N, C-alpha and C. Protein backbone atom coordinates (compact mmCIF):
# COMPACT_ATOMS: atom_id res chain seq x y z
N MET A 1 169.84 121.10 107.95
CA MET A 1 169.67 119.67 108.02
C MET A 1 168.57 119.29 107.03
N SER A 2 168.84 118.33 106.16
CA SER A 2 167.86 117.92 105.17
C SER A 2 167.17 116.63 105.62
N ALA A 3 165.96 116.51 105.19
CA ALA A 3 165.18 115.31 105.54
C ALA A 3 165.67 114.15 104.67
N PRO A 4 165.79 112.96 105.25
CA PRO A 4 166.21 111.81 104.45
C PRO A 4 165.15 111.46 103.42
N ASP A 5 165.62 110.97 102.28
CA ASP A 5 164.69 110.55 101.23
C ASP A 5 164.01 109.26 101.66
N HIS A 6 162.75 109.30 101.71
CA HIS A 6 162.00 108.09 102.05
C HIS A 6 160.64 108.16 101.37
N GLN A 7 160.05 107.01 101.20
CA GLN A 7 158.74 106.91 100.59
C GLN A 7 157.68 107.22 101.64
N PRO A 8 156.64 107.95 101.25
CA PRO A 8 155.56 108.17 102.22
C PRO A 8 154.90 106.84 102.56
N PRO A 9 154.41 106.72 103.77
CA PRO A 9 153.76 105.45 104.14
C PRO A 9 152.54 105.21 103.26
N SER A 10 152.35 103.96 102.94
CA SER A 10 151.20 103.61 102.10
C SER A 10 149.91 103.76 102.91
N VAL A 11 148.87 104.05 102.19
CA VAL A 11 147.57 104.22 102.83
C VAL A 11 147.06 102.85 103.23
N PRO A 12 146.70 102.67 104.50
CA PRO A 12 146.17 101.37 104.90
C PRO A 12 144.86 101.08 104.17
N GLY A 13 144.75 99.86 103.71
CA GLY A 13 143.54 99.45 103.02
C GLY A 13 143.51 99.88 101.57
N ALA A 14 144.65 100.33 101.02
CA ALA A 14 144.67 100.79 99.64
C ALA A 14 144.47 99.63 98.67
N ARG A 15 144.93 98.46 99.02
CA ARG A 15 144.73 97.30 98.16
C ARG A 15 143.42 96.62 98.53
N ARG A 16 142.66 96.34 97.53
CA ARG A 16 141.38 95.68 97.77
C ARG A 16 141.51 94.19 97.59
N ASP A 17 140.73 93.51 98.35
CA ASP A 17 140.67 92.06 98.26
C ASP A 17 139.91 91.69 96.99
N PRO A 18 140.49 90.84 96.13
CA PRO A 18 139.79 90.48 94.89
C PRO A 18 138.47 89.75 95.15
N VAL A 19 138.38 89.05 96.25
CA VAL A 19 137.13 88.35 96.57
C VAL A 19 136.03 89.37 96.89
N ALA A 20 136.38 90.39 97.66
CA ALA A 20 135.40 91.42 98.00
C ALA A 20 134.97 92.18 96.75
N THR A 21 135.91 92.47 95.86
CA THR A 21 135.57 93.16 94.62
C THR A 21 134.63 92.31 93.78
N THR A 22 134.90 91.02 93.70
CA THR A 22 134.04 90.12 92.94
C THR A 22 132.64 90.06 93.54
N LEU A 23 132.56 90.00 94.86
CA LEU A 23 131.25 89.97 95.52
C LEU A 23 130.47 91.26 95.28
N LEU A 24 131.16 92.40 95.28
CA LEU A 24 130.49 93.66 95.00
C LEU A 24 129.95 93.69 93.57
N ILE A 25 130.72 93.18 92.63
CA ILE A 25 130.27 93.17 91.24
C ILE A 25 129.08 92.23 91.08
N VAL A 26 129.13 91.07 91.71
CA VAL A 26 128.02 90.11 91.62
C VAL A 26 126.76 90.71 92.26
N ALA A 27 126.91 91.38 93.40
CA ALA A 27 125.76 92.02 94.04
C ALA A 27 125.20 93.14 93.15
N GLY A 28 126.08 93.88 92.49
CA GLY A 28 125.64 94.92 91.58
C GLY A 28 124.87 94.36 90.40
N ILE A 29 125.34 93.24 89.87
CA ILE A 29 124.63 92.60 88.76
C ILE A 29 123.25 92.12 89.21
N ALA A 30 123.18 91.60 90.43
CA ALA A 30 121.88 91.17 90.96
C ALA A 30 120.93 92.35 91.11
N LEU A 31 121.47 93.52 91.46
CA LEU A 31 120.63 94.71 91.59
C LEU A 31 120.19 95.26 90.24
N LEU A 32 120.84 94.87 89.18
CA LEU A 32 120.43 95.31 87.84
C LEU A 32 119.17 94.58 87.35
N LEU A 33 118.91 93.41 87.89
CA LEU A 33 117.80 92.59 87.40
C LEU A 33 116.42 93.24 87.49
N PRO A 34 116.06 93.95 88.56
CA PRO A 34 114.73 94.57 88.58
C PRO A 34 114.53 95.58 87.44
N GLY A 35 115.57 96.33 87.12
CA GLY A 35 115.46 97.29 86.03
C GLY A 35 115.33 96.61 84.68
N LEU A 36 116.07 95.52 84.50
CA LEU A 36 115.95 94.78 83.24
C LEU A 36 114.57 94.15 83.09
N CYS A 37 114.03 93.64 84.17
CA CYS A 37 112.68 93.08 84.12
C CYS A 37 111.65 94.18 83.83
N SER A 38 111.84 95.34 84.42
CA SER A 38 110.92 96.45 84.17
C SER A 38 110.95 96.86 82.70
N ILE A 39 112.14 96.94 82.13
CA ILE A 39 112.24 97.27 80.71
C ILE A 39 111.53 96.21 79.87
N GLY A 40 111.70 94.95 80.23
CA GLY A 40 111.02 93.87 79.51
C GLY A 40 109.51 94.00 79.57
N PHE A 41 108.98 94.30 80.77
CA PHE A 41 107.53 94.44 80.91
C PHE A 41 107.02 95.68 80.17
N ILE A 42 107.81 96.75 80.16
CA ILE A 42 107.39 97.94 79.42
C ILE A 42 107.29 97.61 77.93
N ILE A 43 108.26 96.86 77.42
CA ILE A 43 108.24 96.49 76.00
C ILE A 43 107.05 95.57 75.71
N ILE A 44 106.83 94.60 76.58
CA ILE A 44 105.73 93.65 76.36
C ILE A 44 104.37 94.36 76.44
N LEU A 45 104.21 95.23 77.42
CA LEU A 45 102.92 95.89 77.62
C LEU A 45 102.70 97.09 76.71
N SER A 46 103.71 97.51 75.96
CA SER A 46 103.56 98.69 75.12
C SER A 46 102.76 98.42 73.85
N GLY A 47 102.32 97.20 73.66
CA GLY A 47 101.50 96.88 72.49
C GLY A 47 100.18 97.64 72.50
N ASP A 48 99.69 98.00 73.68
CA ASP A 48 98.43 98.74 73.79
C ASP A 48 98.62 100.23 73.59
N GLY A 49 99.83 100.69 73.54
CA GLY A 49 100.11 102.12 73.39
C GLY A 49 100.76 102.67 74.64
N LEU A 50 101.69 103.56 74.47
CA LEU A 50 102.43 104.10 75.60
C LEU A 50 101.58 105.02 76.47
N LYS A 51 100.59 105.69 75.87
CA LYS A 51 99.75 106.59 76.66
C LYS A 51 98.96 105.81 77.70
N ASP A 52 98.39 104.69 77.32
CA ASP A 52 97.65 103.87 78.26
C ASP A 52 98.57 103.18 79.26
N LEU A 53 99.78 102.89 78.82
CA LEU A 53 100.74 102.18 79.67
C LEU A 53 101.16 103.02 80.86
N PHE A 54 101.39 104.31 80.64
CA PHE A 54 101.88 105.17 81.71
C PHE A 54 100.76 105.90 82.44
N SER A 55 99.51 105.56 82.18
CA SER A 55 98.40 106.20 82.88
C SER A 55 98.19 105.63 84.28
N ASP A 56 98.67 104.42 84.52
CA ASP A 56 98.53 103.79 85.83
C ASP A 56 99.67 104.27 86.73
N GLY A 57 99.36 105.10 87.71
CA GLY A 57 100.38 105.70 88.57
C GLY A 57 101.11 104.68 89.44
N GLY A 58 100.39 103.66 89.90
CA GLY A 58 101.03 102.65 90.73
C GLY A 58 102.07 101.85 89.98
N LEU A 59 101.77 101.54 88.73
CA LEU A 59 102.71 100.79 87.91
C LEU A 59 103.95 101.63 87.58
N VAL A 60 103.74 102.90 87.32
CA VAL A 60 104.86 103.80 87.04
C VAL A 60 105.73 103.96 88.29
N ALA A 61 105.12 104.04 89.46
CA ALA A 61 105.88 104.14 90.70
C ALA A 61 106.70 102.87 90.94
N LEU A 62 106.11 101.72 90.65
CA LEU A 62 106.84 100.46 90.79
C LEU A 62 108.04 100.42 89.86
N TRP A 63 107.85 100.87 88.62
CA TRP A 63 108.97 100.91 87.68
C TRP A 63 110.05 101.89 88.13
N ALA A 64 109.63 103.01 88.71
CA ALA A 64 110.60 103.99 89.19
C ALA A 64 111.45 103.40 90.32
N VAL A 65 110.83 102.65 91.21
CA VAL A 65 111.56 102.00 92.30
C VAL A 65 112.54 100.97 91.73
N CYS A 66 112.08 100.20 90.75
CA CYS A 66 112.95 99.19 90.13
C CYS A 66 114.15 99.84 89.43
N PHE A 67 113.91 100.97 88.75
CA PHE A 67 115.02 101.66 88.09
C PHE A 67 115.97 102.28 89.11
N ALA A 68 115.45 102.73 90.25
CA ALA A 68 116.31 103.27 91.30
C ALA A 68 117.20 102.17 91.89
N ILE A 69 116.64 100.99 92.08
CA ILE A 69 117.43 99.85 92.56
C ILE A 69 118.52 99.51 91.56
N SER A 70 118.18 99.53 90.28
CA SER A 70 119.17 99.24 89.25
C SER A 70 120.25 100.31 89.19
N ALA A 71 119.89 101.56 89.44
CA ALA A 71 120.89 102.62 89.49
C ALA A 71 121.86 102.38 90.64
N GLY A 72 121.36 101.87 91.75
CA GLY A 72 122.24 101.49 92.85
C GLY A 72 123.18 100.36 92.45
N GLY A 73 122.69 99.42 91.64
CA GLY A 73 123.54 98.34 91.15
C GLY A 73 124.64 98.87 90.24
N VAL A 74 124.30 99.83 89.38
CA VAL A 74 125.31 100.43 88.51
C VAL A 74 126.36 101.16 89.34
N ALA A 75 125.92 101.89 90.36
CA ALA A 75 126.85 102.59 91.23
C ALA A 75 127.76 101.61 91.98
N LEU A 76 127.22 100.50 92.41
CA LEU A 76 128.01 99.49 93.13
C LEU A 76 129.05 98.87 92.21
N ILE A 77 128.66 98.55 90.99
CA ILE A 77 129.62 97.98 90.04
C ILE A 77 130.70 98.99 89.71
N ARG A 78 130.30 100.23 89.50
CA ARG A 78 131.27 101.28 89.18
C ARG A 78 132.27 101.46 90.33
N ARG A 79 131.77 101.47 91.54
CA ARG A 79 132.64 101.63 92.73
C ARG A 79 133.61 100.45 92.84
N ALA A 80 133.13 99.25 92.58
CA ALA A 80 133.99 98.07 92.69
C ALA A 80 135.02 98.05 91.56
N TRP A 81 134.62 98.46 90.36
CA TRP A 81 135.51 98.35 89.21
C TRP A 81 136.52 99.50 89.16
N ILE A 82 136.06 100.72 89.27
CA ILE A 82 136.94 101.89 89.14
C ILE A 82 137.70 102.14 90.43
N GLY A 83 137.14 101.78 91.54
CA GLY A 83 137.78 102.06 92.82
C GLY A 83 139.00 101.21 93.12
N ARG A 84 139.29 100.25 92.25
CA ARG A 84 140.44 99.39 92.51
C ARG A 84 141.74 100.16 92.25
N PRO A 85 142.72 100.01 93.11
CA PRO A 85 144.02 100.63 92.83
C PRO A 85 144.76 99.88 91.74
N THR A 86 145.59 100.59 91.03
CA THR A 86 146.38 99.95 89.99
C THR A 86 147.55 99.20 90.61
N VAL A 87 147.91 98.09 90.00
CA VAL A 87 149.03 97.29 90.51
C VAL A 87 150.31 97.88 89.95
N GLU A 88 151.23 98.18 90.83
CA GLU A 88 152.50 98.77 90.38
C GLU A 88 153.58 97.75 90.22
């Protein structure tokens, strides 16, 4: 006895809501802002020299936190953009 030809059931939730995807991308862009501001301040403050700029541990820690937040924004945008299923 052979099994009838049939399509496997689709995975529930495989299609993403375009509104949710848009909101994830917008939230990711908002999370990129602390890193962009940190880069701007590093450029502005680097007039005194990079050695003096990175000697303040508290400021470097603040920049590290800002870059970590921005990395989360990149991950969120990537998840929203690449995670979308293709339309058949």
